[in-house]
């Protein structure tokens, strides 16, 4: 049997799967699981424009960003320095990381996760003790994943991705096994 030599920079199918899983895990959230159903329900006869709006903002712009990052050799800072110059590029990089991290995205995700926990377990949102416990646990877990940026993707792909995959399978499975309601008869079938 002839053995194929691995090219420099090539990865195995399993590594590619884990990388894709890490990207899935990083982008997975309410906009991926909950909102599409709501958008579909509320779009009425405008399903196609609603789909394209979601497609452009959720998928296409993200893909363009990854392509741009690949052109900057995977470094956001190198890319911004190349486009904006060193001073403005560094400022823009720091501003973006601050907004995407501690100033906006992480607190927003904490609040959204807390809201989901309150609804799922019927907790009293006025009781501050569970909120404090949840917040501490949330930020400890967040710190665990992000404390070493070089290993964040490894942790996300090996820990978070399998967990999210199981959750999605359970949610979809529950939807098939225990539907929210009985299927509604089509209007034309009852009127014919």
C-alpha atoms as a PDB file:
ATOM      1  CA  UNK A   1       0.000   0.000   0.000  1.00  0.00           C
ATOM      2  CA  UNK A   2       1.329   3.423  -0.953  1.00  0.00           C
ATOM      3  CA  UNK A   3       1.443   5.895   1.889  1.00  0.00           C
ATOM      4  CA  UNK A   4       0.514   9.460   1.075  1.00  0.00           C
ATOM      5  CA  UNK A   5       2.813  12.102   2.496  1.00  0.00           C
ATOM      6  CA  UNK A   6       1.080  14.796   4.469  1.00  0.00           C
ATOM      7  CA  UNK A   7       1.643  18.224   3.043  1.00  0.00           C
ATOM      8  CA  UNK A   8       2.922  20.914   5.352  1.00  0.00           C
ATOM      9  CA  UNK A   9      -0.055  22.524   7.040  1.00  0.00           C
ATOM     10  CA  UNK A  10      -2.507  19.751   6.172  1.00  0.00           C
ATOM     11  CA  UNK A  11      -4.764  18.374   8.877  1.00  0.00           C
ATOM     12  CA  UNK A  12      -6.579  15.097   9.347  1.00  0.00           C
ATOM     13  CA  UNK A  13     -10.319  14.708   8.792  1.00  0.00           C
ATOM     14  CA  UNK A  14     -10.802  14.425  12.564  1.00  0.00           C
ATOM     15  CA  UNK A  15      -8.869  17.655  13.199  1.00  0.00           C
ATOM     16  CA  UNK A  16     -10.960  19.375  10.526  1.00  0.00           C
ATOM     17  CA  UNK A  17     -14.125  18.065  12.215  1.00  0.00           C
ATOM     18  CA  UNK A  18     -12.962  19.408  15.597  1.00  0.00           C
ATOM     19  CA  UNK A  19     -12.043  22.782  14.077  1.00  0.00           C
ATOM     20  CA  UNK A  20     -15.463  23.007  12.446  1.00  0.00           C
ATOM     21  CA  UNK A  21     -16.993  21.997  15.761  1.00  0.00           C
ATOM     22  CA  UNK A  22     -15.091  24.744  17.552  1.00  0.00           C
ATOM     23  CA  UNK A  23     -16.320  27.325  15.033  1.00  0.00           C
ATOM     24  CA  UNK A  24     -19.865  25.974  15.414  1.00  0.00           C
ATOM     25  CA  UNK A  25     -19.579  26.223  19.198  1.00  0.00           C
ATOM     26  CA  UNK A  26     -18.263  29.793  19.071  1.00  0.00           C
ATOM     27  CA  UNK A  27     -21.098  30.984  16.837  1.00  0.00           C
ATOM     28  CA  UNK A  28     -23.882  28.899  18.352  1.00  0.00           C
ATOM     29  CA  UNK A  29     -26.376  30.817  20.446  1.00  0.00           C
ATOM     30  CA  UNK A  30     -29.883  32.191  20.483  1.00  0.00           C
ATOM     31  CA  UNK A  31     -29.463  33.467  16.946  1.00  0.00           C
ATOM     32  CA  UNK A  32     -28.811  29.894  15.800  1.00  0.00           C
ATOM     33  CA  UNK A  33     -31.389  27.926  17.760  1.00  0.00           C
ATOM     34  CA  UNK A  34     -34.272  30.092  18.954  1.00  0.00           C
ATOM     35  CA  UNK A  35     -34.532  33.126  16.725  1.00  0.00           C
ATOM     36  CA  UNK A  36     -34.753  31.418  13.299  1.00  0.00           C
ATOM     37  CA  UNK A  37     -38.037  29.785  14.327  1.00  0.00           C
ATOM     38  CA  UNK A  38     -39.363  33.099  15.578  1.00  0.00           C
ATOM     39  CA  UNK A  39     -38.223  34.897  12.421  1.00  0.00           C
ATOM     40  CA  UNK A  40     -39.885  32.241  10.277  1.00  0.00           C
ATOM     41  CA  UNK A  41     -43.127  32.560  12.216  1.00  0.00           C
ATOM     42  CA  UNK A  42     -43.158  36.357  12.122  1.00  0.00           C
ATOM     43  CA  UNK A  43     -41.992  36.801   8.530  1.00  0.00           C
ATOM     44  CA  UNK A  44     -45.400  35.783   7.160  1.00  0.00           C
ATOM     45  CA  UNK A  45     -45.332  36.006   3.381  1.00  0.00           C
ATOM     46  CA  UNK A  46     -41.873  37.625   3.441  1.00  0.00           C
ATOM     47  CA  UNK A  47     -40.007  34.379   4.134  1.00  0.00           C
ATOM     48  CA  UNK A  48     -37.491  34.853   1.308  1.00  0.00           C
ATOM     49  CA  UNK A  49     -36.361  38.382   2.330  1.00  0.00           C
ATOM     50  CA  UNK A  50     -36.208  37.254   5.982  1.00  0.00           C
ATOM     51  CA  UNK A  51     -34.080  34.247   4.988  1.00  0.00           C
ATOM     52  CA  UNK A  52     -31.681  36.421   2.988  1.00  0.00           C
ATOM     53  CA  UNK A  53     -31.388  38.912   5.866  1.00  0.00           C
ATOM     54  CA  UNK A  54     -30.512  36.106   8.284  1.00  0.00           C
ATOM     55  CA  UNK A  55     -28.222  34.437   5.729  1.00  0.00           C
ATOM     56  CA  UNK A  56     -26.274  37.627   5.011  1.00  0.00           C
ATOM     57  CA  UNK A  57     -25.812  38.656   8.649  1.00  0.00           C
ATOM     58  CA  UNK A  58     -25.389  35.216  10.241  1.00  0.00           C
ATOM     59  CA  UNK A  59     -23.399  33.369   7.599  1.00  0.00           C
ATOM     60  CA  UNK A  60     -22.089  35.478   4.737  1.00  0.00           C
ATOM     61  CA  UNK A  61     -20.528  38.292   6.791  1.00  0.00           C
ATOM     62  CA  UNK A  62     -18.932  35.726   9.118  1.00  0.00           C
ATOM     63  CA  UNK A  63     -17.510  33.838   6.125  1.00  0.00           C
ATOM     64  CA  UNK A  64     -16.125  37.079   4.660  1.00  0.00           C
ATOM     65  CA  UNK A  65     -14.506  37.860   8.037  1.00  0.00           C
ATOM     66  CA  UNK A  66     -12.830  34.430   8.125  1.00  0.00           C
ATOM     67  CA  UNK A  67     -11.584  34.886   4.562  1.00  0.00           C
ATOM     68  CA  UNK A  68     -10.184  38.310   5.492  1.00  0.00           C
ATOM     69  CA  UNK A  69      -8.481  36.801   8.553  1.00  0.00           C
ATOM     70  CA  UNK A  70      -6.918  34.100   6.413  1.00  0.00           C
ATOM     71  CA  UNK A  71      -5.481  36.845   4.186  1.00  0.00           C
ATOM     72  CA  UNK A  72      -3.919  38.385   7.309  1.00  0.00           C
ATOM     73  CA  UNK A  73      -2.312  35.038   8.179  1.00  0.00           C
ATOM     74  CA  UNK A  74      -4.936  34.450  10.878  1.00  0.00           C
ATOM     75  CA  UNK A  75      -3.977  37.510  12.906  1.00  0.00           C
ATOM     76  CA  UNK A  76      -6.593  40.201  13.392  1.00  0.00           C
ATOM     77  CA  UNK A  77      -3.899  42.641  14.510  1.00  0.00           C
ATOM     78  CA  UNK A  78      -1.750  42.017  11.409  1.00  0.00           C
ATOM     79  CA  UNK A  79      -4.801  42.524   9.206  1.00  0.00           C
ATOM     80  CA  UNK A  80      -5.854  45.813  10.827  1.00  0.00           C
ATOM     81  CA  UNK A  81      -2.262  47.106  10.831  1.00  0.00           C
ATOM     82  CA  UNK A  82      -2.000  46.284   7.125  1.00  0.00           C
ATOM     83  CA  UNK A  83      -5.256  48.079   6.284  1.00  0.00           C
ATOM     84  CA  UNK A  84      -5.305  50.943   8.819  1.00  0.00           C
ATOM     85  CA  UNK A  85      -1.649  51.464   9.712  1.00  0.00           C
ATOM     86  CA  UNK A  86       0.068  50.518  12.962  1.00  0.00           C
ATOM     87  CA  UNK A  87      -1.394  53.106  15.400  1.00  0.00           C
ATOM     88  CA  UNK A  88      -4.991  53.023  14.177  1.00  0.00           C
ATOM     89  CA  UNK A  89      -4.763  49.265  13.582  1.00  0.00           C
ATOM     90  CA  UNK A  90      -3.640  48.619  17.169  1.00  0.00           C
ATOM     91  CA  UNK A  91      -6.333  50.948  18.529  1.00  0.00           C
ATOM     92  CA  UNK A  92      -9.005  49.245  16.403  1.00  0.00           C
ATOM     93  CA  UNK A  93      -7.818  45.784  17.494  1.00  0.00           C
ATOM     94  CA  UNK A  94      -7.940  46.725  21.192  1.00  0.00           C
ATOM     95  CA  UNK A  95     -11.354  48.369  20.765  1.00  0.00           C
ATOM     96  CA  UNK A  96     -12.770  45.347  18.922  1.00  0.00           C
ATOM     97  CA  UNK A  97     -11.451  42.846  21.462  1.00  0.00           C
ATOM     98  CA  UNK A  98     -12.761  44.977  24.342  1.00  0.00           C
ATOM     99  CA  UNK A  99     -16.219  45.221  22.751  1.00  0.00           C
ATOM    100  CA  UNK A 100     -16.355  41.555  21.765  1.00  0.00           C
ATOM    101  CA  UNK A 101     -15.115  40.485  25.175  1.00  0.00           C
ATOM    102  CA  UNK A 102     -15.572  42.206  28.519  1.00  0.00           C
ATOM    103  CA  UNK A 103     -17.525  45.304  27.468  1.00  0.00           C
ATOM    104  CA  UNK A 104     -20.383  43.731  25.531  1.00  0.00           C
ATOM    105  CA  UNK A 105     -20.479  40.136  24.323  1.00  0.00           C
ATOM    106  CA  UNK A 106     -19.547  38.255  27.504  1.00  0.00           C
ATOM    107  CA  UNK A 107     -21.922  40.240  29.788  1.00  0.00           C
ATOM    108  CA  UNK A 108     -24.664  39.922  27.143  1.00  0.00           C
ATOM    109  CA  UNK A 109     -24.172  36.152  26.962  1.00  0.00           C
ATOM    110  CA  UNK A 110     -24.225  35.959  30.756  1.00  0.00           C
ATOM    111  CA  UNK A 111     -27.524  37.868  30.868  1.00  0.00           C
ATOM    112  CA  UNK A 112     -29.051  35.744  28.082  1.00  0.00           C
ATOM    113  CA  UNK A 113     -27.921  32.513  29.765  1.00  0.00           C
ATOM    114  CA  UNK A 114     -29.334  33.688  33.113  1.00  0.00           C
ATOM    115  CA  UNK A 115     -32.652  34.547  31.458  1.00  0.00           C
ATOM    116  CA  UNK A 116     -32.776  31.048  29.945  1.00  0.00           C
ATOM    117  CA  UNK A 117     -32.026  29.449  33.325  1.00  0.00           C
ATOM    118  CA  UNK A 118     -34.762  31.522  35.000  1.00  0.00           C
ATOM    119  CA  UNK A 119     -37.303  30.455  32.362  1.00  0.00           C
ATOM    120  CA  UNK A 120     -36.209  26.802  32.233  1.00  0.00           C
ATOM    121  CA  UNK A 121     -36.243  26.250  35.994  1.00  0.00           C
ATOM    122  CA  UNK A 122     -38.987  28.709  36.958  1.00  0.00           C
ATOM    123  CA  UNK A 123     -36.718  30.709  39.245  1.00  0.00           C
ATOM    124  CA  UNK A 124     -37.763  33.997  40.782  1.00  0.00           C
ATOM    125  CA  UNK A 125     -35.719  36.656  38.936  1.00  0.00           C
ATOM    126  CA  UNK A 126     -35.982  38.937  41.987  1.00  0.00           C
ATOM    127  CA  UNK A 127     -33.968  36.490  44.142  1.00  0.00           C
ATOM    128  CA  UNK A 128     -30.369  37.687  43.884  1.00  0.00           C
ATOM    129  CA  UNK A 129     -28.591  34.695  45.500  1.00  0.00           C
ATOM    130  CA  UNK A 130     -29.090  32.323  42.505  1.00  0.00           C
ATOM    131  CA  UNK A 131     -28.093  35.192  40.186  1.00  0.00           C
ATOM    132  CA  UNK A 132     -24.836  35.747  42.078  1.00  0.00           C
ATOM    133  CA  UNK A 133     -24.043  32.006  42.117  1.00  0.00           C
ATOM    134  CA  UNK A 134     -24.855  31.692  38.408  1.00  0.00           C
ATOM    135  CA  UNK A 135     -22.764  34.758  37.530  1.00  0.00           C
ATOM    136  CA  UNK A 136     -19.719  33.470  39.424  1.00  0.00           C
ATOM    137  CA  UNK A 137     -20.013  30.014  37.810  1.00  0.00           C
ATOM    138  CA  UNK A 138     -20.544  31.542  34.341  1.00  0.00           C
ATOM    139  CA  UNK A 139     -17.472  33.772  34.585  1.00  0.00           C
ATOM    140  CA  UNK A 140     -15.299  30.971  36.029  1.00  0.00           C
ATOM    141  CA  UNK A 141     -16.259  28.761  33.066  1.00  0.00           C
ATOM    142  CA  UNK A 142     -15.656  31.649  30.641  1.00  0.00           C
ATOM    143  CA  UNK A 143     -12.253  32.305  32.209  1.00  0.00           C
ATOM    144  CA  UNK A 144     -11.400  28.595  31.960  1.00  0.00           C
ATOM    145  CA  UNK A 145     -12.015  28.650  28.202  1.00  0.00           C
ATOM    146  CA  UNK A 146     -10.260  31.975  27.552  1.00  0.00           C
ATOM    147  CA  UNK A 147      -7.402  32.148  30.094  1.00  0.00           C
ATOM    148  CA  UNK A 148      -4.938  30.771  27.544  1.00  0.00           C
ATOM    149  CA  UNK A 149      -5.908  32.138  24.101  1.00  0.00           C
ATOM    150  CA  UNK A 150      -3.592  29.686  22.331  1.00  0.00           C
ATOM    151  CA  UNK A 151      -5.507  26.734  23.748  1.00  0.00           C
ATOM    152  CA  UNK A 152      -9.022  28.214  23.592  1.00  0.00           C
ATOM    153  CA  UNK A 153      -9.884  26.483  20.294  1.00  0.00           C
ATOM    154  CA  UNK A 154      -8.633  23.140  21.641  1.00  0.00           C
ATOM    155  CA  UNK A 155     -10.780  23.466  24.770  1.00  0.00           C
ATOM    156  CA  UNK A 156     -13.817  24.598  22.788  1.00  0.00           C
ATOM    157  CA  UNK A 157     -13.515  21.772  20.251  1.00  0.00           C
ATOM    158  CA  UNK A 158     -12.856  19.030  22.798  1.00  0.00           C
ATOM    159  CA  UNK A 159     -15.222  20.120  25.603  1.00  0.00           C
ATOM    160  CA  UNK A 160     -17.853  22.605  24.454  1.00  0.00           C
ATOM    161  CA  UNK A 161     -18.552  21.172  20.989  1.00  0.00           C
ATOM    162  CA  UNK A 162     -19.499  17.646  22.179  1.00  0.00           C
ATOM    163  CA  UNK A 163     -21.677  19.171  24.921  1.00  0.00           C
ATOM    164  CA  UNK A 164     -23.515  21.440  22.449  1.00  0.00           C
ATOM    165  CA  UNK A 165     -23.899  18.586  19.971  1.00  0.00           C
ATOM    166  CA  UNK A 166     -25.585  16.440  22.635  1.00  0.00           C
ATOM    167  CA  UNK A 167     -27.838  19.358  23.656  1.00  0.00           C
ATOM    168  CA  UNK A 168     -28.924  20.010  20.047  1.00  0.00           C
ATOM    169  CA  UNK A 169     -29.645  16.295  19.474  1.00  0.00           C
ATOM    170  CA  UNK A 170     -31.672  16.157  22.714  1.00  0.00           C
ATOM    171  CA  UNK A 171     -33.673  19.287  21.838  1.00  0.00           C
ATOM    172  CA  UNK A 172     -34.430  18.118  18.296  1.00  0.00           C
ATOM    173  CA  UNK A 173     -35.197  14.598  19.543  1.00  0.00           C
ATOM    174  CA  UNK A 174     -37.554  15.941  22.207  1.00  0.00           C
ATOM    175  CA  UNK A 175     -39.271  18.039  19.540  1.00  0.00           C
ATOM    176  CA  UNK A 176     -39.948  14.923  17.462  1.00  0.00           C
ATOM    177  CA  UNK A 177     -40.932  12.713  20.407  1.00  0.00           C
ATOM    178  CA  UNK A 178     -43.016  15.271  22.306  1.00  0.00           C
ATOM    179  CA  UNK A 179     -44.256  17.938  19.877  1.00  0.00           C
ATOM    180  CA  UNK A 180     -45.578  21.165  21.365  1.00  0.00           C
ATOM    181  CA  UNK A 181     -48.965  20.561  19.725  1.00  0.00           C
ATOM    182  CA  UNK A 182     -50.700  18.261  17.300  1.00  0.00           C
ATOM    183  CA  UNK A 183     -50.119  19.017  13.621  1.00  0.00           C
ATOM    184  CA  UNK A 184     -52.808  21.368  12.310  1.00  0.00           C
ATOM    185  CA  UNK A 185     -54.939  20.115   9.443  1.00  0.00           C
ATOM    186  CA  UNK A 186     -54.319  22.011   6.242  1.00  0.00           C
ATOM    187  CA  UNK A 187     -57.154  24.403   5.451  1.00  0.00           C
ATOM    188  CA  UNK A 188     -57.770  23.047   1.961  1.00  0.00           C
ATOM    189  CA  UNK A 189     -58.094  19.441   3.229  1.00  0.00           C
ATOM    190  CA  UNK A 190     -60.981  20.344   5.555  1.00  0.00           C
ATOM    191  CA  UNK A 191     -62.668  22.586   2.990  1.00  0.00           C
ATOM    192  CA  UNK A 192     -62.615  20.323  -0.065  1.00  0.00           C
END
